[in-house]
Amino acid sequence: MNQEDAVNEGSLNAKIAPNGVKNNVYESDGTTPKNLPNYIGYTVKYAENDADVTAGDVLEAKKGNTPTRKKYKVRVWYKTDIDPSTLNESTTETLRLVFEVDYVQGEKSGQQSAVRIIKGTKGNLQPGDIVGIGETEDFYVISSDNSANGKTVLLAKYNLMVGYWDEYGGDVPTDTPGYGLQSVDAKGYYGGNSYGTVAFSDSAYWDPDGNGLISPYNQNGASYSGNPYPKVYDSNASIYQYISGENGYVNKLKTMGAPSTITGRLLTYEEADAVQNVEDEGNSIILDDTAYCLGSADDNNSVWYVLGGSFNSYYYYGDISFGVRPVIEISTSDI
């Protein structure tokens, strides 16, 4: 394992450019591209928190005369789960692993953040207040912890423009303007048509055999009766790619200037239930006319969702009915 620093000695913030993270493998000549052999693992992450290095991450300007640093952790290892019969002992292979990060000039230190309060009071945000990120993305406050290391939970005001769309007769083309961002037209199943719908998953990974919740969803062995709305959204869900995948919503927000520490997920049943009576301009911020998935299971093959102004459950593969309405967690101090 090796560690290297990225250093900013200037007076302006630097930000990783879109498509600015390049993780390549070459032959020993350093120029001929090659796939990483299946017997080797190779990652580069931030040393301080083991987080991925992604587009939009900010390297702040120097503090006084002291450069700002972020340390990368480079790890290369031999995998232990390889079938020995697939290896050729007589072959010697020399590889060149190249990791590059392209930074672009950011904003002056102290300049206005991309995160702004549209409705509410800084330091005292309440459910139903509105926070914006960038010029286009608005969110309802679901909860806000104003302690020193507190988090604020934000729900996208609209579903994302992704997935199946009747107008296109299939999935929305990825080159469509606004693709992957919020759209007022992304209603899910609405008026007999589907607008931006995706399957929650392609399997019931939280209870694959129908005999009860499995780890880590069972919360120390709790059954559905003891854990009636288990949170099951994670990287196993098909819907995950649209929120936290490489080209997902979280990384799109980072390219708009959102803090590199933000994370994304789906709203849980408990969170939605707690604020179902909170309104914006006379309408519930949760139970509106939009159909979307929640991140909690109802039983061994169903997840909770919102449709027609109420909570219901439906099969995990309901790919023509429900849209993607992300939740963003952000440090309260960044708002």
C-alpha atoms as a PDB file:
ATOM      1  CA  MET A   1       0.000   0.000   0.000  1.00  0.00           C
ATOM      2  CA  ASN A   2       1.284   3.471  -0.879  1.00  0.00           C
ATOM      3  CA  GLN A   3       0.072   6.995  -0.114  1.00  0.00           C
ATOM      4  CA  GLU A   4       0.450  10.115  -2.239  1.00  0.00           C
ATOM      5  CA  ASP A   5      -0.685  13.714  -1.721  1.00  0.00           C
ATOM      6  CA  ALA A   6      -2.738  16.035  -3.885  1.00  0.00           C
ATOM      7  CA  VAL A   7      -1.650  19.585  -3.006  1.00  0.00           C
ATOM      8  CA  ASN A   8      -3.295  22.957  -3.586  1.00  0.00           C
ATOM      9  CA  GLU A   9      -0.828  25.827  -3.075  1.00  0.00           C
ATOM     10  CA  GLY A  10      -3.064  28.466  -4.675  1.00  0.00           C
ATOM     11  CA  SER A  11      -5.648  30.925  -3.378  1.00  0.00           C
ATOM     12  CA  LEU A  12      -8.542  29.357  -5.303  1.00  0.00           C
ATOM     13  CA  ASN A  13     -10.371  26.138  -4.561  1.00  0.00           C
ATOM     14  CA  ALA A  14      -9.737  23.321  -7.027  1.00  0.00           C
ATOM     15  CA  LYS A  15     -12.382  20.794  -8.072  1.00  0.00           C
ATOM     16  CA  ILE A  16     -12.101  17.465  -9.862  1.00  0.00           C
ATOM     17  CA  ALA A  17     -13.436  17.944 -13.366  1.00  0.00           C
ATOM     18  CA  PRO A  18     -16.285  15.870 -14.847  1.00  0.00           C
ATOM     19  CA  ASN A  19     -14.716  12.646 -16.093  1.00  0.00           C
ATOM     20  CA  GLY A  20     -11.550  13.840 -14.359  1.00  0.00           C
ATOM     21  CA  VAL A  21     -10.808  10.573 -12.544  1.00  0.00           C
ATOM     22  CA  LYS A  22      -8.846   8.192 -14.785  1.00  0.00           C
ATOM     23  CA  ASN A  23      -7.894   4.761 -13.541  1.00  0.00           C
ATOM     24  CA  ASN A  24      -6.068   2.946 -16.361  1.00  0.00           C
ATOM     25  CA  VAL A  25      -4.024  -0.209 -16.876  1.00  0.00           C
ATOM     26  CA  TYR A  26      -1.284  -0.495 -19.527  1.00  0.00           C
ATOM     27  CA  GLU A  27       1.256  -3.024 -20.740  1.00  0.00           C
ATOM     28  CA  SER A  28       4.808  -2.497 -19.506  1.00  0.00           C
ATOM     29  CA  ASP A  29       5.437  -0.097 -22.417  1.00  0.00           C
ATOM     30  CA  GLY A  30       3.111   2.352 -20.671  1.00  0.00           C
ATOM     31  CA  THR A  31       1.014   3.055 -23.773  1.00  0.00           C
ATOM     32  CA  THR A  32      -0.837  -0.134 -24.762  1.00  0.00           C
ATOM     33  CA  PRO A  33      -4.171  -0.375 -22.873  1.00  0.00           C
ATOM     34  CA  LYS A  34      -4.894  -3.624 -21.045  1.00  0.00           C
ATOM     35  CA  ASN A  35      -7.635  -4.987 -18.796  1.00  0.00           C
ATOM     36  CA  LEU A  36      -6.713  -5.527 -15.157  1.00  0.00           C
ATOM     37  CA  PRO A  37      -5.984  -9.265 -14.675  1.00  0.00           C
ATOM     38  CA  ASN A  38      -8.631 -11.090 -12.674  1.00  0.00           C
ATOM     39  CA  TYR A  39      -6.096 -12.094 -10.042  1.00  0.00           C
ATOM     40  CA  ILE A  40      -5.248  -8.503  -9.014  1.00  0.00           C
ATOM     41  CA  GLY A  41      -7.274  -5.846  -7.219  1.00  0.00           C
ATOM     42  CA  TYR A  42      -6.428  -2.156  -7.557  1.00  0.00           C
ATOM     43  CA  THR A  43      -8.063   0.834  -5.849  1.00  0.00           C
ATOM     44  CA  VAL A  44      -7.244   4.474  -5.122  1.00  0.00           C
ATOM     45  CA  LYS A  45      -9.180   6.152  -2.320  1.00  0.00           C
ATOM     46  CA  TYR A  46      -8.856   9.038   0.131  1.00  0.00           C
ATOM     47  CA  ALA A  47      -6.636   7.933   3.000  1.00  0.00           C
ATOM     48  CA  GLU A  48      -8.552   9.897   5.638  1.00  0.00           C
ATOM     49  CA  ASN A  49     -11.923   8.188   5.203  1.00  0.00           C
ATOM     50  CA  ASP A  50     -11.481   5.445   2.571  1.00  0.00           C
ATOM     51  CA  ALA A  51     -13.970   7.287   0.322  1.00  0.00           C
ATOM     52  CA  ASP A  52     -13.884   7.044  -3.466  1.00  0.00           C
ATOM     53  CA  VAL A  53     -12.217   9.844  -5.447  1.00  0.00           C
ATOM     54  CA  THR A  54     -15.010  11.298  -7.616  1.00  0.00           C
ATOM     55  CA  ALA A  55     -15.807  14.173  -9.955  1.00  0.00           C
ATOM     56  CA  GLY A  56     -16.770  17.351  -8.098  1.00  0.00           C
ATOM     57  CA  ASP A  57     -14.592  16.669  -5.047  1.00  0.00           C
ATOM     58  CA  VAL A  58     -13.068  19.947  -3.829  1.00  0.00           C
ATOM     59  CA  LEU A  59      -9.463  20.577  -2.787  1.00  0.00           C
ATOM     60  CA  GLU A  60      -9.673  23.819  -0.852  1.00  0.00           C
ATOM     61  CA  ALA A  61      -7.370  26.794  -1.299  1.00  0.00           C
ATOM     62  CA  LYS A  62      -4.329  27.141   0.937  1.00  0.00           C
ATOM     63  CA  LYS A  63      -4.868  28.367   4.499  1.00  0.00           C
ATOM     64  CA  GLY A  64      -2.655  31.416   4.903  1.00  0.00           C
ATOM     65  CA  ASN A  65       0.734  30.212   3.654  1.00  0.00           C
ATOM     66  CA  THR A  66      -0.017  26.531   4.303  1.00  0.00           C
ATOM     67  CA  PRO A  67      -0.931  24.397   1.259  1.00  0.00           C
ATOM     68  CA  THR A  68      -4.031  22.208   1.544  1.00  0.00           C
ATOM     69  CA  ARG A  69      -3.473  18.502   1.066  1.00  0.00           C
ATOM     70  CA  LYS A  70      -5.542  15.406   0.422  1.00  0.00           C
ATOM     71  CA  LYS A  71      -3.785  12.081   0.701  1.00  0.00           C
ATOM     72  CA  TYR A  72      -4.646   9.282  -1.727  1.00  0.00           C
ATOM     73  CA  LYS A  73      -4.289   5.675  -0.629  1.00  0.00           C
ATOM     74  CA  VAL A  74      -3.157   3.338  -3.411  1.00  0.00           C
ATOM     75  CA  ARG A  75      -3.769  -0.367  -2.805  1.00  0.00           C
ATOM     76  CA  VAL A  76      -2.805  -3.278  -5.059  1.00  0.00           C
ATOM     77  CA  TRP A  77      -3.393  -6.862  -3.935  1.00  0.00           C
ATOM     78  CA  TYR A  78      -3.549 -10.448  -5.103  1.00  0.00           C
ATOM     79  CA  LYS A  79      -7.065 -11.858  -4.878  1.00  0.00           C
ATOM     80  CA  THR A  80      -7.575 -14.959  -2.766  1.00  0.00           C
ATOM     81  CA  ASP A  81     -10.716 -16.296  -4.416  1.00  0.00           C
ATOM     82  CA  ILE A  82      -9.163 -17.190  -7.764  1.00  0.00           C
ATOM     83  CA  ASP A  83      -9.349 -20.728  -9.178  1.00  0.00           C
ATOM     84  CA  PRO A  84      -5.663 -21.810  -9.480  1.00  0.00           C
ATOM     85  CA  SER A  85      -6.469 -23.785 -12.610  1.00  0.00           C
ATOM     86  CA  THR A  86      -7.098 -20.532 -14.469  1.00  0.00           C
ATOM     87  CA  LEU A  87      -3.548 -19.268 -13.850  1.00  0.00           C
ATOM     88  CA  ASN A  88      -0.513 -19.913 -16.017  1.00  0.00           C
ATOM     89  CA  GLU A  89       2.539 -20.358 -13.805  1.00  0.00           C
ATOM     90  CA  SER A  90       4.958 -19.911 -16.701  1.00  0.00           C
ATOM     91  CA  THR A  91       3.655 -16.474 -17.646  1.00  0.00           C
ATOM     92  CA  THR A  92       5.391 -13.336 -16.371  1.00  0.00           C
ATOM     93  CA  GLU A  93       3.347 -10.192 -16.750  1.00  0.00           C
ATOM     94  CA  THR A  94       4.492  -6.614 -16.170  1.00  0.00           C
ATOM     95  CA  LEU A  95       1.750  -4.002 -15.842  1.00  0.00           C
ATOM     96  CA  ARG A  96       1.661  -0.264 -15.432  1.00  0.00           C
ATOM     97  CA  LEU A  97      -1.204   1.006 -13.269  1.00  0.00           C
ATOM     98  CA  VAL A  98      -1.906   4.700 -13.854  1.00  0.00           C
ATOM     99  CA  PHE A  99      -4.223   6.831 -11.739  1.00  0.00           C
ATOM    100  CA  GLU A 100      -4.775  10.442 -12.836  1.00  0.00           C
ATOM    101  CA  VAL A 101      -6.972  13.206 -11.473  1.00  0.00           C
ATOM    102  CA  ASP A 102      -7.742  16.368 -13.447  1.00  0.00           C
ATOM    103  CA  TYR A 103      -8.506  19.393 -11.280  1.00  0.00           C
ATOM    104  CA  VAL A 104     -10.093  22.581 -12.583  1.00  0.00           C
ATOM    105  CA  GLN A 105      -9.954  26.015 -11.005  1.00  0.00           C
ATOM    106  CA  GLY A 106     -12.740  26.434  -8.482  1.00  0.00           C
ATOM    107  CA  GLU A 107     -14.294  29.386  -6.743  1.00  0.00           C
ATOM    108  CA  LYS A 108     -12.441  31.832  -4.544  1.00  0.00           C
ATOM    109  CA  SER A 109     -12.281  30.678  -0.973  1.00  0.00           C
ATOM    110  CA  GLY A 110     -15.243  32.084   0.922  1.00  0.00           C
ATOM    111  CA  GLN A 111     -17.332  32.716  -2.184  1.00  0.00           C
ATOM    112  CA  GLN A 112     -21.036  31.814  -2.037  1.00  0.00           C
ATOM    113  CA  SER A 113     -21.645  28.082  -1.835  1.00  0.00           C
ATOM    114  CA  ALA A 114     -23.613  26.121  -4.402  1.00  0.00           C
ATOM    115  CA  VAL A 115     -25.899  25.147  -1.496  1.00  0.00           C
ATOM    116  CA  ARG A 116     -28.464  27.812  -0.608  1.00  0.00           C
ATOM    117  CA  ILE A 117     -31.518  28.158   1.613  1.00  0.00           C
ATOM    118  CA  ILE A 118     -34.634  29.034  -0.381  1.00  0.00           C
ATOM    119  CA  LYS A 119     -37.110  28.797   2.494  1.00  0.00           C
ATOM    120  CA  GLY A 120     -36.135  28.582   6.158  1.00  0.00           C
ATOM    121  CA  THR A 121     -33.547  29.901   8.588  1.00  0.00           C
ATOM    122  CA  LYS A 122     -29.910  28.848   8.705  1.00  0.00           C
ATOM    123  CA  GLY A 123     -29.236  26.952  11.913  1.00  0.00           C
ATOM    124  CA  ASN A 124     -32.924  26.287  12.478  1.00  0.00           C
ATOM    125  CA  LEU A 125     -34.154  24.389   9.437  1.00  0.00           C
ATOM    126  CA  GLN A 126     -37.519  22.674   9.853  1.00  0.00           C
ATOM    127  CA  PRO A 127     -39.311  19.920   7.897  1.00  0.00           C
ATOM    128  CA  GLY A 128     -40.813  21.465   4.779  1.00  0.00           C
ATOM    129  CA  ASP A 129     -38.176  24.175   4.404  1.00  0.00           C
ATOM    130  CA  ILE A 130     -36.475  24.241   1.011  1.00  0.00           C
ATOM    131  CA  VAL A 131     -32.765  24.034   0.179  1.00  0.00           C
ATOM    132  CA  GLY A 132     -31.290  24.377  -3.318  1.00  0.00           C
ATOM    133  CA  ILE A 133     -28.109  22.908  -4.783  1.00  0.00           C
ATOM    134  CA  GLY A 134     -26.773  24.460  -7.960  1.00  0.00           C
ATOM    135  CA  GLU A 135     -29.154  26.409 -10.164  1.00  0.00           C
ATOM    136  CA  THR A 136     -31.776  23.733 -10.772  1.00  0.00           C
ATOM    137  CA  GLU A 137     -32.018  21.184  -7.932  1.00  0.00           C
ATOM    138  CA  ASP A 138     -34.360  21.935  -4.993  1.00  0.00           C
ATOM    139  CA  PHE A 139     -35.039  19.802  -1.917  1.00  0.00           C
ATOM    140  CA  TYR A 140     -37.469  19.624   0.982  1.00  0.00           C
ATOM    141  CA  VAL A 141     -35.934  19.427   4.445  1.00  0.00           C
ATOM    142  CA  ILE A 142     -36.993  16.167   6.120  1.00  0.00           C
ATOM    143  CA  SER A 143     -34.929  16.625   9.275  1.00  0.00           C
ATOM    144  CA  SER A 144     -32.004  18.746  10.412  1.00  0.00           C
ATOM    145  CA  ASP A 145     -29.591  18.204  13.278  1.00  0.00           C
ATOM    146  CA  ASN A 146     -27.841  21.411  14.243  1.00  0.00           C
ATOM    147  CA  SER A 147     -25.243  19.794  16.518  1.00  0.00           C
ATOM    148  CA  ALA A 148     -21.533  20.185  15.740  1.00  0.00           C
ATOM    149  CA  ASN A 149     -21.397  17.124  13.474  1.00  0.00           C
ATOM    150  CA  GLY A 150     -25.070  17.089  12.566  1.00  0.00           C
ATOM    151  CA  LYS A 151     -26.632  15.973   9.281  1.00  0.00           C
ATOM    152  CA  THR A 152     -29.523  17.423   7.336  1.00  0.00           C
ATOM    153  CA  VAL A 153     -31.753  15.083   5.330  1.00  0.00           C
ATOM    154  CA  LEU A 154     -33.109  16.540   2.084  1.00  0.00           C
ATOM    155  CA  LEU A 155     -35.724  15.005  -0.237  1.00  0.00           C
ATOM    156  CA  ALA A 156     -35.627  15.876  -3.936  1.00  0.00           C
ATOM    157  CA  LYS A 157     -38.620  18.030  -4.817  1.00  0.00           C
ATOM    158  CA  TYR A 158     -39.236  15.946  -7.959  1.00  0.00           C
ATOM    159  CA  ASN A 159     -38.332  12.525  -9.333  1.00  0.00           C
ATOM    160  CA  LEU A 160     -35.330  12.108 -11.609  1.00  0.00           C
ATOM    161  CA  MET A 161     -35.513  12.016 -15.401  1.00  0.00           C
ATOM    162  CA  VAL A 162     -34.277   8.438 -15.823  1.00  0.00           C
ATOM    163  CA  GLY A 163     -35.682   5.019 -16.635  1.00  0.00           C
ATOM    164  CA  TYR A 164     -38.716   4.130 -18.739  1.00  0.00           C
ATOM    165  CA  TRP A 165     -40.691   6.971 -20.318  1.00  0.00           C
ATOM    166  CA  ASP A 166     -43.748   6.399 -22.515  1.00  0.00           C
ATOM    167  CA  GLU A 167     -42.881   9.378 -24.682  1.00  0.00           C
ATOM    168  CA  TYR A 168     -39.709   7.583 -25.781  1.00  0.00           C
ATOM    169  CA  GLY A 169     -41.212   4.118 -25.878  1.00  0.00           C
ATOM    170  CA  GLY A 170     -38.347   2.919 -23.701  1.00  0.00           C
ATOM    171  CA  ASP A 171     -35.687   4.344 -21.426  1.00  0.00           C
ATOM    172  CA  VAL A 172     -34.915   8.053 -21.564  1.00  0.00           C
ATOM    173  CA  PRO A 173     -31.882   8.577 -23.852  1.00  0.00           C
ATOM    174  CA  THR A 174     -28.890   9.538 -21.752  1.00  0.00           C
ATOM    175  CA  ASP A 175     -28.157  12.530 -24.008  1.00  0.00           C
ATOM    176  CA  THR A 176     -31.566  14.082 -23.286  1.00  0.00           C
ATOM    177  CA  PRO A 177     -31.160  17.591 -21.777  1.00  0.00           C
ATOM    178  CA  GLY A 178     -31.575  17.316 -18.006  1.00  0.00           C
ATOM    179  CA  TYR A 179     -31.071  13.560 -17.970  1.00  0.00           C
ATOM    180  CA  GLY A 180     -30.411  12.256 -14.455  1.00  0.00           C
ATOM    181  CA  LEU A 181     -31.631  15.458 -12.782  1.00  0.00           C
ATOM    182  CA  GLN A 182     -34.985  16.361 -11.244  1.00  0.00           C
ATOM    183  CA  SER A 183     -37.916  16.892 -13.592  1.00  0.00           C
ATOM    184  CA  VAL A 184     -41.419  18.097 -12.733  1.00  0.00           C
ATOM    185  CA  ASP A 185     -42.637  15.779 -15.508  1.00  0.00           C
ATOM    186  CA  ALA A 186     -41.082  12.647 -13.995  1.00  0.00           C
ATOM    187  CA  LYS A 187     -44.303  11.573 -12.292  1.00  0.00           C
ATOM    188  CA  GLY A 188     -43.763   7.820 -12.248  1.00  0.00           C
ATOM    189  CA  TYR A 189     -47.014   6.039 -13.139  1.00  0.00           C
ATOM    190  CA  TYR A 190     -49.428   8.895 -13.679  1.00  0.00           C
ATOM    191  CA  GLY A 191     -52.555   9.352 -15.799  1.00  0.00           C
ATOM    192  CA  GLY A 192     -52.215   5.903 -17.338  1.00  0.00           C
ATOM    193  CA  ASN A 193     -48.633   6.476 -18.498  1.00  0.00           C
ATOM    194  CA  SER A 194     -45.154   5.976 -17.090  1.00  0.00           C
ATOM    195  CA  TYR A 195     -42.684   8.835 -16.768  1.00  0.00           C
ATOM    196  CA  GLY A 196     -39.246   7.944 -15.429  1.00  0.00           C
ATOM    197  CA  THR A 197     -39.981   4.564 -13.866  1.00  0.00           C
ATOM    198  CA  VAL A 198     -37.459   1.917 -12.817  1.00  0.00           C
ATOM    199  CA  ALA A 199     -37.457  -1.386 -10.947  1.00  0.00           C
ATOM    200  CA  PHE A 200     -36.381  -1.184  -7.324  1.00  0.00           C
ATOM    201  CA  SER A 201     -34.363  -4.376  -7.723  1.00  0.00           C
ATOM    202  CA  ASP A 202     -33.992  -7.509  -9.796  1.00  0.00           C
ATOM    203  CA  SER A 203     -34.161  -9.751  -6.722  1.00  0.00           C
ATOM    204  CA  ALA A 204     -35.489  -9.825  -3.160  1.00  0.00           C
ATOM    205  CA  TYR A 205     -31.961  -9.774  -1.782  1.00  0.00           C
ATOM    206  CA  TRP A 206     -33.095  -8.917   1.774  1.00  0.00           C
ATOM    207  CA  ASP A 207     -35.123 -12.160   2.072  1.00  0.00           C
ATOM    208  CA  PRO A 208     -34.116 -14.362  -0.872  1.00  0.00           C
ATOM    209  CA  ASP A 209     -35.752 -17.609   0.300  1.00  0.00           C
ATOM    210  CA  GLY A 210     -38.869 -16.138   1.909  1.00  0.00           C
ATOM    211  CA  ASN A 211     -37.853 -17.381   5.366  1.00  0.00           C
ATOM    212  CA  GLY A 212     -37.100 -14.043   6.955  1.00  0.00           C
ATOM    213  CA  LEU A 213     -34.782 -11.075   6.829  1.00  0.00           C
ATOM    214  CA  ILE A 214     -31.094 -11.771   6.394  1.00  0.00           C
ATOM    215  CA  SER A 215     -28.113  -9.773   7.604  1.00  0.00           C
ATOM    216  CA  PRO A 216     -27.609  -6.822   7.517  1.00  0.00           C
ATOM    217  CA  TYR A 217     -31.325  -6.070   7.129  1.00  0.00           C
ATOM    218  CA  ASN A 218     -32.567  -8.048  10.123  1.00  0.00           C
ATOM    219  CA  GLN A 219     -31.122  -5.713  12.765  1.00  0.00           C
ATOM    220  CA  ASN A 220     -29.672  -8.331  15.099  1.00  0.00           C
ATOM    221  CA  GLY A 221     -32.136 -11.059  14.189  1.00  0.00           C
ATOM    222  CA  ALA A 222     -35.371  -9.041  14.244  1.00  0.00           C
ATOM    223  CA  SER A 223     -38.225 -10.453  12.146  1.00  0.00           C
ATOM    224  CA  TYR A 224     -40.667  -8.387  10.119  1.00  0.00           C
ATOM    225  CA  SER A 225     -42.880  -8.220  13.197  1.00  0.00           C
ATOM    226  CA  GLY A 226     -39.996  -6.890  15.259  1.00  0.00           C
ATOM    227  CA  ASN A 227     -38.733  -4.657  12.474  1.00  0.00           C
ATOM    228  CA  PRO A 228     -41.885  -3.876  10.459  1.00  0.00           C
ATOM    229  CA  TYR A 229     -40.286  -1.532   7.931  1.00  0.00           C
ATOM    230  CA  PRO A 230     -36.696  -2.708   7.451  1.00  0.00           C
ATOM    231  CA  LYS A 231     -34.465  -0.373   5.473  1.00  0.00           C
ATOM    232  CA  VAL A 232     -33.271  -2.413   2.486  1.00  0.00           C
ATOM    233  CA  TYR A 233     -32.025   0.193   0.009  1.00  0.00           C
ATOM    234  CA  ASP A 234     -28.298  -0.180  -0.622  1.00  0.00           C
ATOM    235  CA  SER A 235     -25.903  -0.991  -3.467  1.00  0.00           C
ATOM    236  CA  ASN A 236     -27.732  -4.301  -4.092  1.00  0.00           C
ATOM    237  CA  ALA A 237     -30.745  -2.383  -5.421  1.00  0.00           C
ATOM    238  CA  SER A 238     -31.041  -1.771  -9.173  1.00  0.00           C
ATOM    239  CA  ILE A 239     -32.221   1.769  -8.440  1.00  0.00           C
ATOM    240  CA  TYR A 240     -28.891   2.506  -6.690  1.00  0.00           C
ATOM    241  CA  GLN A 241     -27.098   3.294  -9.972  1.00  0.00           C
ATOM    242  CA  TYR A 242     -29.305   6.323 -10.617  1.00  0.00           C
ATOM    243  CA  ILE A 243     -28.533   7.833  -7.202  1.00  0.00           C
ATOM    244  CA  SER A 244     -25.052   6.787  -6.104  1.00  0.00           C
ATOM    245  CA  GLY A 245     -23.570   5.103  -9.164  1.00  0.00           C
ATOM    246  CA  GLU A 246     -20.612   6.472 -11.098  1.00  0.00           C
ATOM    247  CA  ASN A 247     -22.903   8.583 -13.311  1.00  0.00           C
ATOM    248  CA  GLY A 248     -25.614   8.954 -10.682  1.00  0.00           C
ATOM    249  CA  TYR A 249     -27.329  11.932  -9.122  1.00  0.00           C
ATOM    250  CA  VAL A 250     -24.905  12.426  -6.220  1.00  0.00           C
ATOM    251  CA  ASN A 251     -21.948  12.885  -8.559  1.00  0.00           C
ATOM    252  CA  LYS A 252     -23.975  15.246 -10.751  1.00  0.00           C
ATOM    253  CA  LEU A 253     -24.602  17.410  -7.674  1.00  0.00           C
ATOM    254  CA  LYS A 254     -20.890  17.399  -6.870  1.00  0.00           C
ATOM    255  CA  THR A 255     -20.096  18.753 -10.322  1.00  0.00           C
ATOM    256  CA  MET A 256     -22.503  21.595  -9.510  1.00  0.00           C
ATOM    257  CA  GLY A 257     -20.407  22.453  -6.463  1.00  0.00           C
ATOM    258  CA  ALA A 258     -22.088  20.396  -3.745  1.00  0.00           C
ATOM    259  CA  PRO A 259     -19.745  19.249  -0.944  1.00  0.00           C
ATOM    260  CA  SER A 260     -17.814  16.078  -1.721  1.00  0.00           C
ATOM    261  CA  THR A 261     -19.129  14.507   1.499  1.00  0.00           C
ATOM    262  CA  ILE A 262     -22.800  14.376   0.455  1.00  0.00           C
ATOM    263  CA  THR A 263     -24.408  10.950   0.154  1.00  0.00           C
ATOM    264  CA  GLY A 264     -27.630   9.746  -1.447  1.00  0.00           C
ATOM    265  CA  ARG A 265     -30.279   7.098  -0.788  1.00  0.00           C
ATOM    266  CA  LEU A 266     -34.066   6.619  -0.721  1.00  0.00           C
ATOM    267  CA  LEU A 267     -36.514   7.861   1.895  1.00  0.00           C
ATOM    268  CA  THR A 268     -37.438   5.268   4.531  1.00  0.00           C
ATOM    269  CA  TYR A 269     -41.023   4.459   5.468  1.00  0.00           C
ATOM    270  CA  GLU A 270     -40.513   5.904   8.957  1.00  0.00           C
ATOM    271  CA  GLU A 271     -39.148   9.195   7.595  1.00  0.00           C
ATOM    272  CA  ALA A 272     -42.013   9.540   5.119  1.00  0.00           C
ATOM    273  CA  ASP A 273     -44.629   8.720   7.741  1.00  0.00           C
ATOM    274  CA  ALA A 274     -43.181  11.285  10.168  1.00  0.00           C
ATOM    275  CA  VAL A 275     -43.602  14.194   7.732  1.00  0.00           C
ATOM    276  CA  GLN A 276     -46.649  13.123   5.711  1.00  0.00           C
ATOM    277  CA  ASN A 277     -48.663  16.047   7.080  1.00  0.00           C
ATOM    278  CA  VAL A 278     -45.997  18.665   6.354  1.00  0.00           C
ATOM    279  CA  GLU A 279     -47.158  20.878   3.492  1.00  0.00           C
ATOM    280  CA  ASP A 280     -45.752  23.198   0.876  1.00  0.00           C
ATOM    281  CA  GLU A 281     -48.300  25.600  -0.601  1.00  0.00           C
ATOM    282  CA  GLY A 282     -51.142  23.466   0.752  1.00  0.00           C
ATOM    283  CA  ASN A 283     -49.863  20.122  -0.562  1.00  0.00           C
ATOM    284  CA  SER A 284     -48.111  17.336   1.333  1.00  0.00           C
ATOM    285  CA  ILE A 285     -44.396  17.256   0.557  1.00  0.00           C
ATOM    286  CA  ILE A 286     -44.560  13.436   0.659  1.00  0.00           C
ATOM    287  CA  LEU A 287     -48.018  12.321  -0.471  1.00  0.00           C
ATOM    288  CA  ASP A 288     -48.334  14.302  -3.681  1.00  0.00           C
ATOM    289  CA  ASP A 289     -49.378  13.030  -7.114  1.00  0.00           C
ATOM    290  CA  THR A 290     -45.939  11.552  -7.812  1.00  0.00           C
ATOM    291  CA  ALA A 291     -45.299   7.782  -7.731  1.00  0.00           C
ATOM    292  CA  TYR A 292     -41.927   6.779  -6.296  1.00  0.00           C
ATOM    293  CA  CYS A 293     -40.140   4.043  -4.344  1.00  0.00           C
ATOM    294  CA  LEU A 294     -39.220   4.190  -0.686  1.00  0.00           C
ATOM    295  CA  GLY A 295     -36.187   2.380   0.678  1.00  0.00           C
ATOM    296  CA  SER A 296     -38.045   0.067   3.086  1.00  0.00           C
ATOM    297  CA  ALA A 297     -39.400  -3.452   2.569  1.00  0.00           C
ATOM    298  CA  ASP A 298     -42.905  -4.636   3.424  1.00  0.00           C
ATOM    299  CA  ASP A 299     -42.309  -8.372   3.153  1.00  0.00           C
ATOM    300  CA  ASN A 300     -40.084 -10.896   1.371  1.00  0.00           C
ATOM    301  CA  ASN A 301     -40.770  -9.524  -2.136  1.00  0.00           C
ATOM    302  CA  SER A 302     -42.356  -6.090  -1.742  1.00  0.00           C
ATOM    303  CA  VAL A 303     -41.125  -2.572  -1.043  1.00  0.00           C
ATOM    304  CA  TRP A 304     -43.057   0.484   0.050  1.00  0.00           C
ATOM    305  CA  TYR A 305     -43.902   3.240  -2.381  1.00  0.00           C
ATOM    306  CA  VAL A 306     -46.036   6.356  -2.739  1.00  0.00           C
ATOM    307  CA  LEU A 307     -48.799   6.405  -5.350  1.00  0.00           C
ATOM    308  CA  GLY A 308     -51.992   8.456  -5.565  1.00  0.00           C
ATOM    309  CA  GLY A 309     -51.301  10.291  -2.339  1.00  0.00           C
ATOM    310  CA  SER A 310     -50.951   7.218  -0.123  1.00  0.00           C
ATOM    311  CA  PHE A 311     -48.468   4.571   1.042  1.00  0.00           C
ATOM    312  CA  ASN A 312     -48.709   1.093  -0.466  1.00  0.00           C
ATOM    313  CA  SER A 313     -46.390  -1.797  -1.223  1.00  0.00           C
ATOM    314  CA  TYR A 314     -45.597  -3.516  -4.491  1.00  0.00           C
ATOM    315  CA  TYR A 315     -43.254  -6.137  -5.926  1.00  0.00           C
ATOM    316  CA  TYR A 316     -39.576  -5.142  -6.115  1.00  0.00           C
ATOM    317  CA  TYR A 317     -39.639  -5.558  -9.913  1.00  0.00           C
ATOM    318  CA  GLY A 318     -42.405  -2.967 -10.488  1.00  0.00           C
ATOM    319  CA  ASP A 319     -40.424  -1.220 -13.215  1.00  0.00           C
ATOM    320  CA  ILE A 320     -43.326   0.519 -14.994  1.00  0.00           C
ATOM    321  CA  SER A 321     -44.847   2.182 -11.965  1.00  0.00           C
ATOM    322  CA  PHE A 322     -42.410   3.990  -9.692  1.00  0.00           C
ATOM    323  CA  GLY A 323     -39.841   6.729 -10.113  1.00  0.00           C
ATOM    324  CA  VAL A 324     -36.597   7.683  -8.392  1.00  0.00           C
ATOM    325  CA  ARG A 325     -36.914  10.413  -5.766  1.00  0.00           C
ATOM    326  CA  PRO A 326     -33.565  10.648  -3.961  1.00  0.00           C
ATOM    327  CA  VAL A 327     -32.723  11.710  -0.463  1.00  0.00           C
ATOM    328  CA  ILE A 328     -29.478  13.624   0.063  1.00  0.00           C
ATOM    329  CA  GLU A 329     -27.649  13.661   3.391  1.00  0.00           C
ATOM    330  CA  ILE A 330     -25.461  16.717   3.856  1.00  0.00           C
ATOM    331  CA  SER A 331     -23.514  18.143   6.785  1.00  0.00           C
ATOM    332  CA  THR A 332     -25.641  20.858   8.343  1.00  0.00           C
ATOM    333  CA  SER A 333     -22.551  23.071   8.528  1.00  0.00           C
ATOM    334  CA  ASP A 334     -22.385  23.045   4.690  1.00  0.00           C
ATOM    335  CA  ILE A 335     -25.792  24.688   4.338  1.00  0.00           C
END
